Amino acid sequence: MRISDAASSIDYDGVYIHINGSHVDSLRIVHKIKPDGVHERLYALNGVPREVIRDPNKVWCFIPDKSMGVLGVRPGKDSGFPGFMVSKIEQLEDNYDLSVGSQDRIADRNTTQIRIIPRDDMRYGYDLWADNETGLLLKSQLIDHAGYAVEQYLFALLNISKSIPDASLDPMTPKSELVWHSDKKPPRITAVKESDWEISSLPAGYKIIKMVRRWMPMEENAVEHIVLSDGLGAVSIFIEASDDGTMPVSLNSMGAVSAYSTSRDGWQITIIGEVPPDTVKKIGDSLVYRTRP
């Protein structure tokens, strides 16, 4: 709970390393809490210059080498990096073993390791290192069933302070120098009480937590979006009518994210989540169109 609270209550300026498969990025992050919520600025320190500015309502992505920017909507006012959200701790014990690990020093700060080990191969595990003083998450590793880190990040430099100036949140490239792209209208979303689809064989521990239909701007057909979770890992199912006939079955993974795509009787189905590939495939193969009288 301290880890979860720290991301929405602490001001800091730091540099962290993100490792996803063989890809390594270093980024600077400025994170400041204002009366209206969390404000953040992220700047890539290696590779092509990229920058992201987030306030409680909007996300600006700066792509200066292409003279363009992308403006989007931020769904959560209180969410921030580095977050680790768990709805109910007690729900995890059926599917994970939780324990306190060793002490370590990260970014010149003392930390405590928290281990979250899955009981089966249908989910990833986590090794977390939290700052002893503030609870801020300073290192995170996503662990597969063989014990290897699929994805990880850790802070290399960190300044926790209440005196971060507002100017630190300003982008290096002025917004006026870029051509901005954004949806003219947000997608229309309606809640679904009962789906036309059911999952005949859910992996143990996973439950449906949300069902909605989305109509994207300029699109006539709705996309049904079903979200599953075991209290920690999350999987999204997207189902939409397809006029292109059948699409090839594909199963892919990039770092922590696995995706499975298939088609069935004129429907295109995509399952994606930070779970092992076998999990998204099992869910996709278990989807059944519900026959109604």
C-alpha atoms as a PDB file:
ATOM      1  CA  MET A   1       0.000   0.000   0.000  1.00  0.00           C
ATOM      2  CA  ARG A   2       2.938   2.358   0.643  1.00  0.00           C
ATOM      3  CA  ILE A   3       4.244   1.635  -2.868  1.00  0.00           C
ATOM      4  CA  SER A   4       0.852   2.454  -4.356  1.00  0.00           C
ATOM      5  CA  ASP A   5       0.458   5.661  -2.333  1.00  0.00           C
ATOM      6  CA  ALA A   6       4.005   6.931  -3.000  1.00  0.00           C
ATOM      7  CA  ALA A   7       3.453   7.357  -6.755  1.00  0.00           C
ATOM      8  CA  SER A   8       0.598   9.796  -6.099  1.00  0.00           C
ATOM      9  CA  SER A   9       2.016  11.688  -3.132  1.00  0.00           C
ATOM     10  CA  ILE A  10       5.790  12.231  -3.600  1.00  0.00           C
ATOM     11  CA  ASP A  11       7.678  14.787  -5.740  1.00  0.00           C
ATOM     12  CA  TYR A  12      10.900  13.578  -7.338  1.00  0.00           C
ATOM     13  CA  ASP A  13      13.314  14.037 -10.238  1.00  0.00           C
ATOM     14  CA  GLY A  14      15.314  11.053 -11.441  1.00  0.00           C
ATOM     15  CA  VAL A  15      16.855   8.915 -14.154  1.00  0.00           C
ATOM     16  CA  TYR A  16      15.795   5.308 -14.634  1.00  0.00           C
ATOM     17  CA  ILE A  17      16.791   2.415 -16.891  1.00  0.00           C
ATOM     18  CA  HIS A  18      14.100   0.388 -18.675  1.00  0.00           C
ATOM     19  CA  ILE A  19      15.014  -3.056 -20.061  1.00  0.00           C
ATOM     20  CA  ASN A  20      12.502  -4.838 -22.301  1.00  0.00           C
ATOM     21  CA  GLY A  21      13.962  -7.977 -23.834  1.00  0.00           C
ATOM     22  CA  SER A  22      17.170  -6.875 -25.583  1.00  0.00           C
ATOM     23  CA  HIS A  23      16.077  -3.218 -25.756  1.00  0.00           C
ATOM     24  CA  VAL A  24      17.518  -0.803 -23.181  1.00  0.00           C
ATOM     25  CA  ASP A  25      16.338   2.778 -22.639  1.00  0.00           C
ATOM     26  CA  SER A  26      17.399   5.438 -20.172  1.00  0.00           C
ATOM     27  CA  LEU A  27      14.883   8.152 -19.310  1.00  0.00           C
ATOM     28  CA  ARG A  28      14.680  11.207 -17.122  1.00  0.00           C
ATOM     29  CA  ILE A  29      11.434  11.696 -15.221  1.00  0.00           C
ATOM     30  CA  VAL A  30      10.146  14.736 -13.334  1.00  0.00           C
ATOM     31  CA  HIS A  31       7.165  13.890 -11.141  1.00  0.00           C
ATOM     32  CA  LYS A  32       5.274  16.583  -9.230  1.00  0.00           C
ATOM     33  CA  ILE A  33       2.028  16.566  -7.271  1.00  0.00           C
ATOM     34  CA  LYS A  34      -0.171  19.629  -7.724  1.00  0.00           C
ATOM     35  CA  PRO A  35      -3.615  20.389  -6.260  1.00  0.00           C
ATOM     36  CA  ASP A  36      -5.291  18.986  -9.390  1.00  0.00           C
ATOM     37  CA  GLY A  37      -3.301  15.734  -9.446  1.00  0.00           C
ATOM     38  CA  VAL A  38      -0.110  14.140 -10.804  1.00  0.00           C
ATOM     39  CA  HIS A  39       2.038  15.973 -13.381  1.00  0.00           C
ATOM     40  CA  GLU A  40       4.938  14.220 -15.125  1.00  0.00           C
ATOM     41  CA  ARG A  41       7.571  14.836 -17.756  1.00  0.00           C
ATOM     42  CA  LEU A  42       9.540  11.979 -19.325  1.00  0.00           C
ATOM     43  CA  TYR A  43      12.478  12.489 -21.675  1.00  0.00           C
ATOM     44  CA  ALA A  44      14.439   9.782 -23.503  1.00  0.00           C
ATOM     45  CA  LEU A  45      18.179  10.109 -22.869  1.00  0.00           C
ATOM     46  CA  ASN A  46      19.307   7.691 -25.592  1.00  0.00           C
ATOM     47  CA  GLY A  47      18.202   7.083 -29.164  1.00  0.00           C
ATOM     48  CA  VAL A  48      15.909   9.429 -31.084  1.00  0.00           C
ATOM     49  CA  PRO A  49      14.714  12.343 -28.886  1.00  0.00           C
ATOM     50  CA  ARG A  50      11.257  11.669 -27.490  1.00  0.00           C
ATOM     51  CA  GLU A  51       9.367  13.452 -24.745  1.00  0.00           C
ATOM     52  CA  VAL A  52       6.061  12.899 -22.935  1.00  0.00           C
ATOM     53  CA  ILE A  53       4.234  15.473 -20.803  1.00  0.00           C
ATOM     54  CA  ARG A  54       1.337  14.282 -18.666  1.00  0.00           C
ATOM     55  CA  ASP A  55      -1.099  16.293 -16.586  1.00  0.00           C
ATOM     56  CA  PRO A  56      -4.224  14.926 -14.865  1.00  0.00           C
ATOM     57  CA  ASN A  57      -6.278  15.054 -18.075  1.00  0.00           C
ATOM     58  CA  LYS A  58      -3.998  15.058 -21.134  1.00  0.00           C
ATOM     59  CA  VAL A  59      -0.895  13.355 -22.526  1.00  0.00           C
ATOM     60  CA  TRP A  60       1.369  15.175 -25.018  1.00  0.00           C
ATOM     61  CA  CYS A  61       3.893  13.082 -27.002  1.00  0.00           C
ATOM     62  CA  PHE A  62       6.668  15.163 -28.614  1.00  0.00           C
ATOM     63  CA  ILE A  63       8.370  13.743 -31.749  1.00  0.00           C
ATOM     64  CA  PRO A  64      10.663  16.610 -32.796  1.00  0.00           C
ATOM     65  CA  ASP A  65      12.591  14.784 -35.561  1.00  0.00           C
ATOM     66  CA  LYS A  66       9.293  14.407 -37.431  1.00  0.00           C
ATOM     67  CA  SER A  67       8.054  17.886 -36.410  1.00  0.00           C
ATOM     68  CA  MET A  68       4.908  16.337 -34.977  1.00  0.00           C
ATOM     69  CA  GLY A  69       3.138  15.759 -31.695  1.00  0.00           C
ATOM     70  CA  VAL A  70       0.288  13.509 -30.545  1.00  0.00           C
ATOM     71  CA  LEU A  71      -2.283  14.598 -27.979  1.00  0.00           C
ATOM     72  CA  GLY A  72      -4.291  12.021 -26.052  1.00  0.00           C
ATOM     73  CA  VAL A  73      -6.547  11.658 -23.025  1.00  0.00           C
ATOM     74  CA  ARG A  74      -5.155  10.490 -19.682  1.00  0.00           C
ATOM     75  CA  PRO A  75      -7.601   8.077 -18.014  1.00  0.00           C
ATOM     76  CA  GLY A  76      -6.468   8.355 -14.379  1.00  0.00           C
ATOM     77  CA  LYS A  77      -5.781  11.616 -12.555  1.00  0.00           C
ATOM     78  CA  ASP A  78      -4.021   9.970  -9.625  1.00  0.00           C
ATOM     79  CA  SER A  79      -1.991   7.385 -11.507  1.00  0.00           C
ATOM     80  CA  GLY A  80       1.712   7.997 -11.816  1.00  0.00           C
ATOM     81  CA  PHE A  81       5.068   6.347 -12.333  1.00  0.00           C
ATOM     82  CA  PRO A  82       6.274   4.178 -10.739  1.00  0.00           C
ATOM     83  CA  GLY A  83       2.921   2.692  -9.778  1.00  0.00           C
ATOM     84  CA  PHE A  84       2.018  -0.790  -8.658  1.00  0.00           C
ATOM     85  CA  MET A  85      -1.734  -1.117  -8.338  1.00  0.00           C
ATOM     86  CA  VAL A  86      -3.360  -4.040  -6.538  1.00  0.00           C
ATOM     87  CA  SER A  87      -7.103  -3.893  -5.903  1.00  0.00           C
ATOM     88  CA  LYS A  88      -7.252  -6.365  -3.005  1.00  0.00           C
ATOM     89  CA  ILE A  89      -4.113  -7.873  -1.507  1.00  0.00           C
ATOM     90  CA  GLU A  90      -5.992 -10.847  -0.050  1.00  0.00           C
ATOM     91  CA  GLN A  91      -7.105 -11.936  -3.547  1.00  0.00           C
ATOM     92  CA  LEU A  92      -3.495 -12.558  -4.555  1.00  0.00           C
ATOM     93  CA  GLU A  93      -2.860 -15.363  -2.073  1.00  0.00           C
ATOM     94  CA  ASP A  94      -4.803 -17.952  -4.120  1.00  0.00           C
ATOM     95  CA  ASN A  95      -2.488 -17.489  -7.100  1.00  0.00           C
ATOM     96  CA  TYR A  96       0.764 -16.018  -5.710  1.00  0.00           C
ATOM     97  CA  ASP A  97       3.193 -16.588  -2.850  1.00  0.00           C
ATOM     98  CA  LEU A  98       4.104 -13.264  -1.211  1.00  0.00           C
ATOM     99  CA  SER A  99       7.200 -12.755   0.918  1.00  0.00           C
ATOM    100  CA  VAL A 100       9.701 -10.135   2.051  1.00  0.00           C
ATOM    101  CA  GLY A 101      13.144 -10.631   0.535  1.00  0.00           C
ATOM    102  CA  SER A 102      16.536  -9.041   1.090  1.00  0.00           C
ATOM    103  CA  GLN A 103      17.773  -5.501   1.676  1.00  0.00           C
ATOM    104  CA  ASP A 104      19.575  -3.673  -1.134  1.00  0.00           C
ATOM    105  CA  ARG A 105      20.852  -0.224  -2.098  1.00  0.00           C
ATOM    106  CA  ILE A 106      19.427   1.323  -5.288  1.00  0.00           C
ATOM    107  CA  ALA A 107      20.139   4.884  -6.492  1.00  0.00           C
ATOM    108  CA  ASP A 108      22.042   5.390  -3.211  1.00  0.00           C
ATOM    109  CA  ARG A 109      18.908   4.624  -1.152  1.00  0.00           C
ATOM    110  CA  ASN A 110      18.144   1.673   1.127  1.00  0.00           C
ATOM    111  CA  THR A 111      15.397  -0.618  -0.143  1.00  0.00           C
ATOM    112  CA  THR A 112      13.470  -3.750   0.821  1.00  0.00           C
ATOM    113  CA  GLN A 113      12.655  -6.496  -1.671  1.00  0.00           C
ATOM    114  CA  ILE A 114       9.094  -7.823  -1.978  1.00  0.00           C
ATOM    115  CA  ARG A 115       8.639 -11.111  -3.850  1.00  0.00           C
ATOM    116  CA  ILE A 116       5.378 -12.073  -5.582  1.00  0.00           C
ATOM    117  CA  ILE A 117       5.800 -15.566  -7.049  1.00  0.00           C
ATOM    118  CA  PRO A 118       3.017 -17.182  -9.149  1.00  0.00           C
ATOM    119  CA  ARG A 119       1.699 -20.613  -8.188  1.00  0.00           C
ATOM    120  CA  ASP A 120       1.343 -21.668 -11.866  1.00  0.00           C
ATOM    121  CA  ASP A 121       2.584 -20.662 -15.327  1.00  0.00           C
ATOM    122  CA  MET A 122      -0.543 -18.683 -16.277  1.00  0.00           C
ATOM    123  CA  ARG A 123       0.837 -15.424 -14.863  1.00  0.00           C
ATOM    124  CA  TYR A 124       4.111 -13.584 -14.323  1.00  0.00           C
ATOM    125  CA  GLY A 125       5.733 -12.947 -10.978  1.00  0.00           C
ATOM    126  CA  TYR A 126       7.246  -9.741  -9.588  1.00  0.00           C
ATOM    127  CA  ASP A 127      10.360  -8.801  -7.673  1.00  0.00           C
ATOM    128  CA  LEU A 128       9.955  -5.293  -6.243  1.00  0.00           C
ATOM    129  CA  TRP A 129      12.375  -3.095  -4.336  1.00  0.00           C
ATOM    130  CA  ALA A 130      10.748  -0.268  -2.348  1.00  0.00           C
ATOM    131  CA  ASP A 131      12.509   2.700  -0.763  1.00  0.00           C
ATOM    132  CA  ASN A 132      12.577   2.145   3.004  1.00  0.00           C
ATOM    133  CA  GLU A 133      11.957   5.806   3.797  1.00  0.00           C
ATOM    134  CA  THR A 134       9.141   6.703   1.377  1.00  0.00           C
ATOM    135  CA  GLY A 135       7.831   3.441  -0.082  1.00  0.00           C
ATOM    136  CA  LEU A 136       8.616   4.636  -3.626  1.00  0.00           C
ATOM    137  CA  LEU A 137       9.221   1.739  -6.013  1.00  0.00           C
ATOM    138  CA  LEU A 138      12.868   1.985  -7.124  1.00  0.00           C
ATOM    139  CA  LYS A 139      13.254  -1.307  -8.995  1.00  0.00           C
ATOM    140  CA  SER A 140      10.800  -3.748 -10.541  1.00  0.00           C
ATOM    141  CA  GLN A 141      11.342  -7.045 -12.358  1.00  0.00           C
ATOM    142  CA  LEU A 142       8.647  -9.020 -14.151  1.00  0.00           C
ATOM    143  CA  ILE A 143       9.595 -12.704 -13.763  1.00  0.00           C
ATOM    144  CA  ASP A 144       8.574 -15.657 -15.977  1.00  0.00           C
ATOM    145  CA  HIS A 145       7.958 -19.213 -14.726  1.00  0.00           C
ATOM    146  CA  ALA A 146      11.639 -20.117 -15.320  1.00  0.00           C
ATOM    147  CA  GLY A 147      12.788 -17.281 -13.047  1.00  0.00           C
ATOM    148  CA  TYR A 148      14.093 -14.954 -15.779  1.00  0.00           C
ATOM    149  CA  ALA A 149      13.343 -11.211 -15.875  1.00  0.00           C
ATOM    150  CA  VAL A 150      11.075 -10.519 -18.866  1.00  0.00           C
ATOM    151  CA  GLU A 151      11.029  -6.771 -18.253  1.00  0.00           C
ATOM    152  CA  GLN A 152      12.597  -4.530 -15.620  1.00  0.00           C
ATOM    153  CA  TYR A 153      13.359  -0.968 -14.667  1.00  0.00           C
ATOM    154  CA  LEU A 154      15.483   0.575 -11.947  1.00  0.00           C
ATOM    155  CA  PHE A 155      16.413   4.069 -10.893  1.00  0.00           C
ATOM    156  CA  ALA A 156      20.048   5.097 -11.349  1.00  0.00           C
ATOM    157  CA  LEU A 157      19.680   8.643  -9.950  1.00  0.00           C
ATOM    158  CA  LEU A 158      16.894   9.987  -7.749  1.00  0.00           C
ATOM    159  CA  ASN A 159      16.203  13.266  -5.982  1.00  0.00           C
ATOM    160  CA  ILE A 160      13.141  13.204  -3.723  1.00  0.00           C
ATOM    161  CA  SER A 161      12.215  16.812  -3.028  1.00  0.00           C
ATOM    162  CA  LYS A 162       9.332  19.168  -2.328  1.00  0.00           C
ATOM    163  CA  SER A 163      11.061  22.025  -4.141  1.00  0.00           C
ATOM    164  CA  ILE A 164      10.833  20.887  -7.771  1.00  0.00           C
ATOM    165  CA  PRO A 165      10.076  24.015  -9.843  1.00  0.00           C
ATOM    166  CA  ASP A 166       7.155  24.068 -12.254  1.00  0.00           C
ATOM    167  CA  ALA A 167       9.609  24.951 -15.044  1.00  0.00           C
ATOM    168  CA  SER A 168      11.061  21.417 -14.780  1.00  0.00           C
ATOM    169  CA  LEU A 169       7.817  20.152 -16.301  1.00  0.00           C
ATOM    170  CA  ASP A 170       8.179  22.279 -19.443  1.00  0.00           C
ATOM    171  CA  PRO A 171       9.104  20.401 -22.651  1.00  0.00           C
ATOM    172  CA  MET A 172      12.428  21.019 -24.382  1.00  0.00           C
ATOM    173  CA  THR A 173      10.618  21.510 -27.698  1.00  0.00           C
ATOM    174  CA  PRO A 174       7.961  24.264 -27.677  1.00  0.00           C
ATOM    175  CA  LYS A 175       4.505  22.989 -28.633  1.00  0.00           C
ATOM    176  CA  SER A 176       4.239  25.738 -31.250  1.00  0.00           C
ATOM    177  CA  GLU A 177       7.079  24.176 -33.268  1.00  0.00           C
ATOM    178  CA  LEU A 178       5.201  20.915 -33.891  1.00  0.00           C
ATOM    179  CA  VAL A 179       2.153  19.888 -35.906  1.00  0.00           C
ATOM    180  CA  TRP A 180      -0.282  18.290 -33.458  1.00  0.00           C
ATOM    181  CA  HIS A 181      -2.490  15.276 -34.135  1.00  0.00           C
ATOM    182  CA  SER A 182      -5.405  14.150 -31.976  1.00  0.00           C
ATOM    183  CA  ASP A 183      -8.850  12.628 -32.241  1.00  0.00           C
ATOM    184  CA  LYS A 184     -11.415  15.316 -32.914  1.00  0.00           C
ATOM    185  CA  LYS A 185     -13.914  13.439 -30.792  1.00  0.00           C
ATOM    186  CA  PRO A 186     -13.267  10.899 -28.015  1.00  0.00           C
ATOM    187  CA  PRO A 187     -14.607   7.359 -28.493  1.00  0.00           C
ATOM    188  CA  ARG A 188     -18.171   6.708 -27.343  1.00  0.00           C
ATOM    189  CA  ILE A 189     -18.187   4.074 -24.590  1.00  0.00           C
ATOM    190  CA  THR A 190     -21.138   2.238 -23.056  1.00  0.00           C
ATOM    191  CA  ALA A 191     -21.107  -0.372 -20.277  1.00  0.00           C
ATOM    192  CA  VAL A 192     -22.159  -3.938 -21.122  1.00  0.00           C
ATOM    193  CA  LYS A 193     -24.095  -5.915 -18.508  1.00  0.00           C
ATOM    194  CA  GLU A 194     -24.087  -9.182 -20.439  1.00  0.00           C
ATOM    195  CA  SER A 195     -21.820 -10.015 -23.361  1.00  0.00           C
ATOM    196  CA  ASP A 196     -22.744 -12.115 -26.389  1.00  0.00           C
ATOM    197  CA  TRP A 197     -19.485 -13.939 -25.727  1.00  0.00           C
ATOM    198  CA  GLU A 198     -18.476 -16.225 -22.896  1.00  0.00           C
ATOM    199  CA  ILE A 199     -15.169 -17.777 -21.909  1.00  0.00           C
ATOM    200  CA  SER A 200     -15.619 -21.521 -21.517  1.00  0.00           C
ATOM    201  CA  SER A 201     -12.328 -22.126 -19.704  1.00  0.00           C
ATOM    202  CA  LEU A 202     -10.784 -19.220 -17.826  1.00  0.00           C
ATOM    203  CA  PRO A 203      -7.280 -19.679 -16.394  1.00  0.00           C
ATOM    204  CA  ALA A 204      -7.497 -20.135 -12.620  1.00  0.00           C
ATOM    205  CA  GLY A 205      -7.869 -16.899 -10.679  1.00  0.00           C
ATOM    206  CA  TYR A 206      -8.861 -14.653 -13.590  1.00  0.00           C
ATOM    207  CA  LYS A 207     -12.233 -12.907 -13.460  1.00  0.00           C
ATOM    208  CA  ILE A 208     -14.087 -10.455 -15.671  1.00  0.00           C
ATOM    209  CA  ILE A 209     -13.811  -7.002 -14.093  1.00  0.00           C
ATOM    210  CA  LYS A 210     -15.169  -4.795 -16.894  1.00  0.00           C
ATOM    211  CA  MET A 211     -17.136  -5.046 -20.133  1.00  0.00           C
ATOM    212  CA  VAL A 212     -17.725  -2.081 -22.466  1.00  0.00           C
ATOM    213  CA  ARG A 213     -18.461  -1.315 -26.118  1.00  0.00           C
ATOM    214  CA  ARG A 214     -16.467   1.399 -27.879  1.00  0.00           C
ATOM    215  CA  TRP A 215     -17.357   3.298 -31.035  1.00  0.00           C
ATOM    216  CA  MET A 216     -14.258   4.987 -32.398  1.00  0.00           C
ATOM    217  CA  PRO A 217     -14.627   8.275 -34.303  1.00  0.00           C
ATOM    218  CA  MET A 218     -15.591   7.731 -37.970  1.00  0.00           C
ATOM    219  CA  GLU A 219     -16.221   4.009 -37.319  1.00  0.00           C
ATOM    220  CA  GLU A 220     -19.699   2.448 -37.541  1.00  0.00           C
ATOM    221  CA  ASN A 221     -18.972  -0.900 -35.881  1.00  0.00           C
ATOM    222  CA  ALA A 222     -18.485  -1.156 -32.141  1.00  0.00           C
ATOM    223  CA  VAL A 223     -15.555  -2.919 -30.517  1.00  0.00           C
ATOM    224  CA  GLU A 224     -16.415  -5.021 -27.486  1.00  0.00           C
ATOM    225  CA  HIS A 225     -13.735  -4.723 -24.801  1.00  0.00           C
ATOM    226  CA  ILE A 226     -13.606  -7.272 -21.960  1.00  0.00           C
ATOM    227  CA  VAL A 227     -11.029  -6.870 -19.185  1.00  0.00           C
ATOM    228  CA  LEU A 228      -9.882  -9.807 -17.065  1.00  0.00           C
ATOM    229  CA  SER A 229      -7.663  -9.740 -13.970  1.00  0.00           C
ATOM    230  CA  ASP A 230      -6.410 -12.008 -11.219  1.00  0.00           C
ATOM    231  CA  GLY A 231      -5.926  -8.983  -8.958  1.00  0.00           C
ATOM    232  CA  LEU A 232      -2.488  -8.245 -10.414  1.00  0.00           C
ATOM    233  CA  GLY A 233      -2.087  -9.291 -14.046  1.00  0.00           C
ATOM    234  CA  ALA A 234      -4.601  -7.909 -16.563  1.00  0.00           C
ATOM    235  CA  VAL A 235      -5.789  -9.122 -19.971  1.00  0.00           C
ATOM    236  CA  SER A 236      -7.864  -7.206 -22.534  1.00  0.00           C
ATOM    237  CA  ILE A 237     -10.109  -8.923 -25.089  1.00  0.00           C
ATOM    238  CA  PHE A 238     -11.161  -6.944 -28.180  1.00  0.00           C
ATOM    239  CA  ILE A 239     -13.920  -8.312 -30.409  1.00  0.00           C
ATOM    240  CA  GLU A 240     -15.189  -6.605 -33.558  1.00  0.00           C
ATOM    241  CA  ALA A 241     -17.062  -7.548 -36.707  1.00  0.00           C
ATOM    242  CA  SER A 242     -14.794  -8.148 -39.700  1.00  0.00           C
ATOM    243  CA  ASP A 243     -15.675  -7.701 -43.370  1.00  0.00           C
ATOM    244  CA  ASP A 244     -12.352  -9.105 -44.552  1.00  0.00           C
ATOM    245  CA  GLY A 245     -13.132 -12.762 -43.918  1.00  0.00           C
ATOM    246  CA  THR A 246     -10.723 -14.809 -41.868  1.00  0.00           C
ATOM    247  CA  MET A 247      -7.446 -13.458 -40.567  1.00  0.00           C
ATOM    248  CA  PRO A 248      -4.385 -15.615 -39.859  1.00  0.00           C
ATOM    249  CA  VAL A 249      -3.932 -16.842 -36.321  1.00  0.00           C
ATOM    250  CA  SER A 250      -0.934 -15.210 -34.661  1.00  0.00           C
ATOM    251  CA  LEU A 251       0.691 -15.430 -31.235  1.00  0.00           C
ATOM    252  CA  ASN A 252       3.383 -12.870 -30.465  1.00  0.00           C
ATOM    253  CA  SER A 253       5.203 -11.452 -27.477  1.00  0.00           C
ATOM    254  CA  MET A 254       7.350  -8.354 -27.073  1.00  0.00           C
ATOM    255  CA  GLY A 255       8.985  -8.222 -23.694  1.00  0.00           C
ATOM    256  CA  ALA A 256       6.225  -8.542 -21.104  1.00  0.00           C
ATOM    257  CA  VAL A 257       3.312  -8.071 -23.514  1.00  0.00           C
ATOM    258  CA  SER A 258       1.723 -11.078 -25.219  1.00  0.00           C
ATOM    259  CA  ALA A 259      -0.862 -10.828 -28.014  1.00  0.00           C
ATOM    260  CA  TYR A 260      -3.044 -13.449 -29.678  1.00  0.00           C
ATOM    261  CA  SER A 261      -5.190 -12.754 -32.759  1.00  0.00           C
ATOM    262  CA  THR A 262      -7.697 -14.973 -34.530  1.00  0.00           C
ATOM    263  CA  SER A 263     -11.029 -14.791 -36.346  1.00  0.00           C
ATOM    264  CA  ARG A 264     -14.238 -16.721 -35.940  1.00  0.00           C
ATOM    265  CA  ASP A 265     -17.450 -16.608 -38.003  1.00  0.00           C
ATOM    266  CA  GLY A 266     -16.933 -13.057 -39.216  1.00  0.00           C
ATOM    267  CA  TRP A 267     -15.483 -11.720 -35.956  1.00  0.00           C
ATOM    268  CA  GLN A 268     -11.943 -10.497 -35.362  1.00  0.00           C
ATOM    269  CA  ILE A 269     -10.609 -11.339 -31.886  1.00  0.00           C
ATOM    270  CA  THR A 270      -7.483  -9.904 -30.238  1.00  0.00           C
ATOM    271  CA  ILE A 271      -6.275 -10.719 -26.718  1.00  0.00           C
ATOM    272  CA  ILE A 272      -3.419  -8.711 -25.220  1.00  0.00           C
ATOM    273  CA  GLY A 273      -1.884  -8.428 -21.760  1.00  0.00           C
ATOM    274  CA  GLU A 274       1.231  -8.518 -19.588  1.00  0.00           C
ATOM    275  CA  VAL A 275       0.885 -12.282 -19.131  1.00  0.00           C
ATOM    276  CA  PRO A 276       2.622 -15.348 -20.634  1.00  0.00           C
ATOM    277  CA  PRO A 277       1.767 -16.207 -24.273  1.00  0.00           C
ATOM    278  CA  ASP A 278      -0.028 -19.440 -23.284  1.00  0.00           C
ATOM    279  CA  THR A 279      -2.449 -17.408 -21.165  1.00  0.00           C
ATOM    280  CA  VAL A 280      -3.713 -15.161 -23.964  1.00  0.00           C
ATOM    281  CA  LYS A 281      -3.958 -18.177 -26.316  1.00  0.00           C
ATOM    282  CA  LYS A 282      -5.979 -20.189 -23.814  1.00  0.00           C
ATOM    283  CA  ILE A 283      -8.382 -17.302 -23.300  1.00  0.00           C
ATOM    284  CA  GLY A 284      -8.751 -16.709 -27.051  1.00  0.00           C
ATOM    285  CA  ASP A 285      -9.379 -20.371 -27.827  1.00  0.00           C
ATOM    286  CA  SER A 286     -11.990 -20.512 -25.026  1.00  0.00           C
ATOM    287  CA  LEU A 287     -14.156 -17.681 -26.397  1.00  0.00           C
ATOM    288  CA  VAL A 288     -17.577 -18.955 -27.454  1.00  0.00           C
ATOM    289  CA  TYR A 289     -20.377 -16.952 -29.091  1.00  0.00           C
ATOM    290  CA  ARG A 290     -23.404 -17.291 -26.879  1.00  0.00           C
ATOM    291  CA  THR A 291     -26.445 -18.717 -28.672  1.00  0.00           C
ATOM    292  CA  ARG A 292     -29.627 -17.040 -27.476  1.00  0.00           C
ATOM    293  CA  PRO A 293     -33.157 -18.440 -27.767  1.00  0.00           C
END
